[in-house]
C-alpha atoms as a PDB file:
ATOM      1  CA  MET A   1       2.812  17.799  65.247  1.00  0.00           C
ATOM      2  CA  ARG A   2       5.730  19.530  66.987  1.00  0.00           C
ATOM      3  CA  THR A   3       5.969  19.291  70.656  1.00  0.00           C
ATOM      4  CA  ILE A   4       6.145  22.381  72.803  1.00  0.00           C
ATOM      5  CA  ALA A   5       9.618  21.211  73.817  1.00  0.00           C
ATOM      6  CA  ALA A   6      10.786  21.264  70.133  1.00  0.00           C
ATOM      7  CA  VAL A   7       9.402  24.930  69.913  1.00  0.00           C
ATOM      8  CA  TYR A   8      11.419  25.765  73.051  1.00  0.00           C
ATOM      9  CA  SER A   9      14.455  24.285  71.553  1.00  0.00           C
ATOM     10  CA  ASN A  10      13.918  26.388  68.319  1.00  0.00           C
ATOM     11  CA  PHE A  11      13.159  29.450  70.341  1.00  0.00           C
ATOM     12  CA  SER A  12      16.409  29.069  72.214  1.00  0.00           C
ATOM     13  CA  ARG A  13      18.339  28.569  69.040  1.00  0.00           C
ATOM     14  CA  MET A  14      16.683  31.638  67.605  1.00  0.00           C
ATOM     15  CA  LEU A  15      17.885  33.714  70.596  1.00  0.00           C
ATOM     16  CA  LEU A  16      21.379  32.081  71.302  1.00  0.00           C
ATOM     17  CA  GLU A  17      22.582  31.265  67.843  1.00  0.00           C
ATOM     18  CA  ASP A  18      20.606  33.368  65.384  1.00  0.00           C
ATOM     19  CA  ARG A  19      20.540  36.362  67.845  1.00  0.00           C
ATOM     20  CA  ILE A  20      17.067  37.296  66.621  1.00  0.00           C
ATOM     21  CA  TYR A  21      16.822  39.816  69.455  1.00  0.00           C
ATOM     22  CA  GLU A  22      19.262  42.091  67.588  1.00  0.00           C
ATOM     23  CA  ASP A  23      16.545  43.117  65.223  1.00  0.00           C
ATOM     24  CA  PRO A  24      14.332  45.650  67.010  1.00  0.00           C
ATOM     25  CA  THR A  25      11.454  45.179  64.582  1.00  0.00           C
ATOM     26  CA  ILE A  26      10.988  41.497  65.682  1.00  0.00           C
ATOM     27  CA  SER A  27       8.338  41.065  68.397  1.00  0.00           C
ATOM     28  CA  TYR A  28       7.642  37.991  70.495  1.00  0.00           C
ATOM     29  CA  THR A  29       4.425  37.526  68.430  1.00  0.00           C
ATOM     30  CA  ASP A  30       6.540  37.429  65.342  1.00  0.00           C
ATOM     31  CA  ILE A  31       8.766  34.852  66.738  1.00  0.00           C
ATOM     32  CA  CYS A  32       5.618  32.757  67.771  1.00  0.00           C
ATOM     33  CA  ALA A  33       4.288  33.051  64.352  1.00  0.00           C
ATOM     34  CA  ALA A  34       7.435  31.602  62.823  1.00  0.00           C
ATOM     35  CA  LEU A  35       7.509  28.757  65.360  1.00  0.00           C
ATOM     36  CA  HIS A  36       3.774  28.037  64.700  1.00  0.00           C
ATOM     37  CA  VAL A  37       2.732  28.317  68.350  1.00  0.00           C
ATOM     38  CA  ALA A  38       0.144  30.537  70.039  1.00  0.00           C
ATOM     39  CA  PRO A  39       1.995  33.165  72.274  1.00  0.00           C
ATOM     40  CA  SER A  40      -0.333  32.313  75.106  1.00  0.00           C
ATOM     41  CA  ASP A  41       0.379  28.584  74.891  1.00  0.00           C
ATOM     42  CA  PHE A  42       4.201  29.141  74.715  1.00  0.00           C
ATOM     43  CA  ASP A  43       4.099  31.712  77.556  1.00  0.00           C
ATOM     44  CA  GLU A  44       2.516  29.097  79.755  1.00  0.00           C
ATOM     45  CA  TYR A  45       5.416  26.640  78.930  1.00  0.00           C
ATOM     46  CA  LEU A  46       8.048  29.522  79.247  1.00  0.00           C
ATOM     47  CA  LYS A  47       6.637  30.525  82.750  1.00  0.00           C
ATOM     48  CA  LYS A  48       7.158  26.971  83.998  1.00  0.00           C
ATOM     49  CA  GLU A  49      10.581  26.597  82.460  1.00  0.00           C
ATOM     50  CA  MET A  50      12.100  30.101  82.969  1.00  0.00           C
ATOM     51  CA  GLY A  51       9.838  32.094  85.185  1.00  0.00           C
ATOM     52  CA  MET A  52       9.203  34.587  82.535  1.00  0.00           C
ATOM     53  CA  ASN A  53       6.937  35.016  79.632  1.00  0.00           C
ATOM     54  CA  GLY A  54       8.346  35.276  76.028  1.00  0.00           C
ATOM     55  CA  SER A  55       8.097  38.876  75.906  1.00  0.00           C
ATOM     56  CA  GLU A  56      10.038  39.352  79.015  1.00  0.00           C
ATOM     57  CA  ILE A  57      12.704  36.970  77.877  1.00  0.00           C
ATOM     58  CA  LEU A  58      13.051  38.792  74.415  1.00  0.00           C
ATOM     59  CA  GLN A  59      13.202  42.189  76.368  1.00  0.00           C
ATOM     60  CA  SER A  60      15.844  40.697  78.661  1.00  0.00           C
ATOM     61  CA  PHE A  61      18.041  39.854  75.608  1.00  0.00           C
ATOM     62  CA  GLN A  62      17.432  43.213  74.118  1.00  0.00           C
ATOM     63  CA  LYS A  63      18.438  45.035  77.345  1.00  0.00           C
ATOM     64  CA  LEU A  64      21.621  43.024  77.486  1.00  0.00           C
ATOM     65  CA  LEU A  65      22.406  44.106  73.945  1.00  0.00           C
ATOM     66  CA  THR A  66      21.942  47.739  74.939  1.00  0.00           C
ATOM     67  CA  LEU A  67      24.094  47.248  78.098  1.00  0.00           C
ATOM     68  CA  GLN A  68      26.817  45.730  76.021  1.00  0.00           C
ATOM     69  CA  ALA A  69      26.754  48.782  73.517  1.00  0.00           C
ATOM     70  CA  ILE A  70      26.986  51.166  76.629  1.00  0.00           C
ATOM     71  CA  THR A  71      29.968  49.316  77.981  1.00  0.00           C
ATOM     72  CA  HIS A  72      31.599  49.335  74.530  1.00  0.00           C
ATOM     73  CA  THR A  73      31.040  52.990  74.114  1.00  0.00           C
ATOM     74  CA  ARG A  74      32.587  53.811  77.574  1.00  0.00           C
ATOM     75  CA  GLU A  75      35.702  51.894  76.589  1.00  0.00           C
ATOM     76  CA  ILE A  76      36.115  53.934  73.484  1.00  0.00           C
ATOM     77  CA  PHE A  77      36.027  57.194  75.371  1.00  0.00           C
ATOM     78  CA  LYS A  78      38.522  56.252  78.082  1.00  0.00           C
END
């Protein structure tokens, strides 16, 4: 049985190394299914560790990606 800390480590890798948030079709539920953890159980852990649930974390990464694209576009048109 994998520990929730191992799931958290894999979730972090998926975001930071694999950049899974770049695929707009991937949901937090999909990520939890791949990690073999219930979203509600993992959310409880994430809230304690990060102060946000998994959907909020994924949305934050996706928002950063959008902001990077806007900044890049502005640089092209200068």
